[in-house]
Amino acid sequence: MTAKNKATKRIRILIWEKDLNVAALARRIGKSRTWTSQVLYGRMRSEATRRAIADTLGVSVVELWPENNRKAA
């Protein structure tokens, strides 16, 4: 399983544990469902949206998106 797949699985589990779906998560953070989904699953990148998602799910941004912790070469 790749790192991206592990992160996606972790995100899905956290959303489920909070008794949410992507639409409900999007409402909580004040974004559209489409935008939230794109950021969640790595198709778009927004640090502000990632922070809002992580805060809502009660974890750190790095836990959800480990590549944030990598330093630029």
N, C-alpha and C. Protein backbone atom coordinates (compact mmCIF):
# COMPACT_ATOMS: atom_id res chain seq x y z
N MET A 1 0.85 -1.18 0.00
CA MET A 1 0.00 0.00 0.00
C MET A 1 0.89 1.24 0.00
N THR A 2 0.63 2.16 -0.90
CA THR A 2 1.43 3.37 -1.00
C THR A 2 1.10 4.33 0.14
N ALA A 3 1.96 5.30 0.35
CA ALA A 3 1.74 6.30 1.39
C ALA A 3 0.46 7.09 1.13
N LYS A 4 0.19 7.39 -0.13
CA LYS A 4 -1.02 8.13 -0.46
C LYS A 4 -2.27 7.31 -0.14
N ASN A 5 -2.22 6.01 -0.46
CA ASN A 5 -3.35 5.14 -0.15
C ASN A 5 -3.57 5.02 1.35
N LYS A 6 -2.48 4.96 2.12
CA LYS A 6 -2.58 4.89 3.58
C LYS A 6 -3.21 6.16 4.13
N ALA A 7 -2.79 7.30 3.59
CA ALA A 7 -3.35 8.58 4.04
C ALA A 7 -4.83 8.66 3.71
N THR A 8 -5.21 8.23 2.52
CA THR A 8 -6.61 8.24 2.11
C THR A 8 -7.44 7.35 3.03
N LYS A 9 -6.92 6.18 3.33
CA LYS A 9 -7.63 5.26 4.22
C LYS A 9 -7.79 5.88 5.60
N ARG A 10 -6.75 6.50 6.10
CA ARG A 10 -6.80 7.14 7.43
C ARG A 10 -7.85 8.25 7.44
N ILE A 11 -7.89 9.05 6.39
CA ILE A 11 -8.88 10.13 6.28
C ILE A 11 -10.29 9.55 6.31
N ARG A 12 -10.53 8.51 5.53
CA ARG A 12 -11.86 7.90 5.49
C ARG A 12 -12.27 7.35 6.84
N ILE A 13 -11.35 6.73 7.55
CA ILE A 13 -11.64 6.19 8.88
C ILE A 13 -11.99 7.33 9.84
N LEU A 14 -11.21 8.40 9.82
CA LEU A 14 -11.47 9.52 10.72
C LEU A 14 -12.83 10.17 10.45
N ILE A 15 -13.16 10.32 9.19
CA ILE A 15 -14.46 10.90 8.83
C ILE A 15 -15.57 9.99 9.36
N TRP A 16 -15.42 8.70 9.18
CA TRP A 16 -16.40 7.74 9.66
C TRP A 16 -16.51 7.78 11.18
N GLU A 17 -15.37 7.83 11.88
CA GLU A 17 -15.36 7.87 13.34
C GLU A 17 -16.07 9.10 13.89
N LYS A 18 -16.01 10.20 13.16
CA LYS A 18 -16.68 11.44 13.58
C LYS A 18 -18.13 11.46 13.13
N ASP A 19 -18.60 10.36 12.54
CA ASP A 19 -19.97 10.23 12.05
C ASP A 19 -20.29 11.33 11.03
N LEU A 20 -19.35 11.53 10.12
CA LEU A 20 -19.48 12.54 9.07
C LEU A 20 -19.40 11.87 7.71
N ASN A 21 -19.71 12.65 6.69
CA ASN A 21 -19.38 12.30 5.32
C ASN A 21 -18.73 13.55 4.73
N VAL A 22 -18.29 13.48 3.50
CA VAL A 22 -17.58 14.62 2.91
C VAL A 22 -18.46 15.88 2.89
N ALA A 23 -19.74 15.71 2.58
CA ALA A 23 -20.64 16.87 2.53
C ALA A 23 -20.78 17.52 3.90
N ALA A 24 -20.92 16.72 4.95
CA ALA A 24 -21.05 17.27 6.31
C ALA A 24 -19.75 17.93 6.75
N LEU A 25 -18.63 17.31 6.42
CA LEU A 25 -17.33 17.90 6.73
C LEU A 25 -17.18 19.24 6.02
N ALA A 26 -17.57 19.29 4.76
CA ALA A 26 -17.48 20.53 3.98
C ALA A 26 -18.32 21.63 4.63
N ARG A 27 -19.52 21.30 5.07
CA ARG A 27 -20.38 22.30 5.73
C ARG A 27 -19.70 22.82 7.00
N ARG A 28 -19.09 21.92 7.76
CA ARG A 28 -18.43 22.33 9.01
C ARG A 28 -17.28 23.29 8.77
N ILE A 29 -16.56 23.10 7.68
CA ILE A 29 -15.41 23.98 7.42
C ILE A 29 -15.75 25.14 6.50
N GLY A 30 -17.00 25.18 6.04
CA GLY A 30 -17.44 26.31 5.22
C GLY A 30 -16.96 26.29 3.78
N LYS A 31 -16.75 25.10 3.24
CA LYS A 31 -16.30 24.94 1.86
C LYS A 31 -17.30 24.07 1.11
N SER A 32 -17.19 24.04 -0.21
CA SER A 32 -18.07 23.18 -1.00
C SER A 32 -17.64 21.73 -0.84
N ARG A 33 -18.57 20.82 -1.11
CA ARG A 33 -18.27 19.40 -1.04
C ARG A 33 -17.21 19.03 -2.06
N THR A 34 -17.33 19.59 -3.26
CA THR A 34 -16.38 19.29 -4.33
C THR A 34 -14.97 19.73 -3.94
N TRP A 35 -14.84 20.95 -3.46
CA TRP A 35 -13.52 21.47 -3.07
C TRP A 35 -12.95 20.64 -1.93
N THR A 36 -13.76 20.35 -0.94
CA THR A 36 -13.30 19.57 0.21
C THR A 36 -12.81 18.20 -0.23
N SER A 37 -13.55 17.54 -1.10
CA SER A 37 -13.15 16.24 -1.61
C SER A 37 -11.83 16.32 -2.37
N GLN A 38 -11.68 17.33 -3.20
CA GLN A 38 -10.45 17.47 -3.97
C GLN A 38 -9.24 17.68 -3.07
N VAL A 39 -9.40 18.45 -2.02
CA VAL A 39 -8.29 18.68 -1.08
C VAL A 39 -8.05 17.41 -0.26
N LEU A 40 -9.11 16.79 0.22
CA LEU A 40 -8.98 15.57 1.02
C LEU A 40 -8.15 14.52 0.32
N TYR A 41 -8.45 14.28 -0.93
CA TYR A 41 -7.84 13.17 -1.63
C TYR A 41 -6.68 13.58 -2.53
N GLY A 42 -6.16 14.79 -2.33
CA GLY A 42 -4.91 15.20 -2.94
C GLY A 42 -4.95 15.70 -4.36
N ARG A 43 -6.13 15.93 -4.91
CA ARG A 43 -6.20 16.45 -6.28
C ARG A 43 -5.92 17.95 -6.32
N MET A 44 -6.24 18.64 -5.24
CA MET A 44 -5.95 20.08 -5.11
C MET A 44 -5.24 20.25 -3.77
N ARG A 45 -4.52 21.37 -3.66
CA ARG A 45 -3.78 21.61 -2.43
C ARG A 45 -4.12 22.98 -1.89
N SER A 46 -4.57 23.01 -0.66
CA SER A 46 -4.86 24.26 0.03
C SER A 46 -4.50 24.07 1.50
N GLU A 47 -3.47 24.76 1.94
CA GLU A 47 -3.03 24.62 3.33
C GLU A 47 -4.14 25.03 4.31
N ALA A 48 -4.87 26.09 3.99
CA ALA A 48 -5.94 26.55 4.88
C ALA A 48 -7.04 25.50 5.00
N THR A 49 -7.42 24.90 3.88
CA THR A 49 -8.45 23.86 3.91
C THR A 49 -7.93 22.62 4.62
N ARG A 50 -6.69 22.27 4.39
CA ARG A 50 -6.11 21.12 5.09
C ARG A 50 -6.11 21.34 6.60
N ARG A 51 -5.75 22.55 7.04
CA ARG A 51 -5.77 22.85 8.48
C ARG A 51 -7.18 22.73 9.04
N ALA A 52 -8.15 23.26 8.31
CA ALA A 52 -9.54 23.20 8.77
C ALA A 52 -10.03 21.75 8.86
N ILE A 53 -9.68 20.95 7.89
CA ILE A 53 -10.08 19.53 7.91
C ILE A 53 -9.42 18.82 9.09
N ALA A 54 -8.13 19.01 9.25
CA ALA A 54 -7.40 18.36 10.34
C ALA A 54 -7.97 18.78 11.70
N ASP A 55 -8.23 20.07 11.86
CA ASP A 55 -8.81 20.56 13.12
C ASP A 55 -10.16 19.91 13.39
N THR A 56 -10.99 19.83 12.38
CA THR A 56 -12.32 19.23 12.52
C THR A 56 -12.22 17.75 12.88
N LEU A 57 -11.25 17.06 12.32
CA LEU A 57 -11.08 15.64 12.58
C LEU A 57 -10.24 15.36 13.83
N GLY A 58 -9.67 16.41 14.42
CA GLY A 58 -8.92 16.26 15.67
C GLY A 58 -7.54 15.66 15.53
N VAL A 59 -6.91 15.92 14.39
CA VAL A 59 -5.56 15.41 14.15
C VAL A 59 -4.70 16.52 13.55
N SER A 60 -3.41 16.24 13.37
CA SER A 60 -2.53 17.22 12.75
C SER A 60 -2.57 17.10 11.24
N VAL A 61 -2.20 18.17 10.57
CA VAL A 61 -2.13 18.16 9.11
C VAL A 61 -1.13 17.11 8.64
N VAL A 62 0.00 17.00 9.32
CA VAL A 62 1.04 16.05 8.92
C VAL A 62 0.55 14.61 9.05
N GLU A 63 -0.33 14.35 10.02
CA GLU A 63 -0.87 12.99 10.16
C GLU A 63 -1.72 12.61 8.95
N LEU A 64 -2.47 13.58 8.42
CA LEU A 64 -3.32 13.30 7.27
C LEU A 64 -2.57 13.36 5.95
N TRP A 65 -1.64 14.29 5.85
CA TRP A 65 -0.88 14.47 4.61
C TRP A 65 0.60 14.46 4.97
N PRO A 66 1.21 13.27 5.09
CA PRO A 66 2.60 13.15 5.54
C PRO A 66 3.59 13.90 4.65
N GLU A 67 3.25 14.08 3.39
CA GLU A 67 4.18 14.79 2.50
C GLU A 67 4.38 16.24 2.92
N ASN A 68 3.50 16.79 3.75
CA ASN A 68 3.68 18.15 4.27
C ASN A 68 4.93 18.25 5.12
N ASN A 69 5.36 17.12 5.68
CA ASN A 69 6.50 17.12 6.57
C ASN A 69 7.83 17.01 5.84
N ARG A 70 7.79 16.74 4.54
CA ARG A 70 9.02 16.60 3.76
C ARG A 70 9.58 17.96 3.41
N LYS A 71 10.86 18.09 3.52
CA LYS A 71 11.51 19.35 3.17
C LYS A 71 11.82 19.38 1.68
N ALA A 72 11.73 20.57 1.12
CA ALA A 72 12.04 20.73 -0.30
C ALA A 72 13.52 20.48 -0.53
N ALA A 73 13.85 19.83 -1.63
CA ALA A 73 15.26 19.50 -1.92
C ALA A 73 15.98 20.70 -2.47
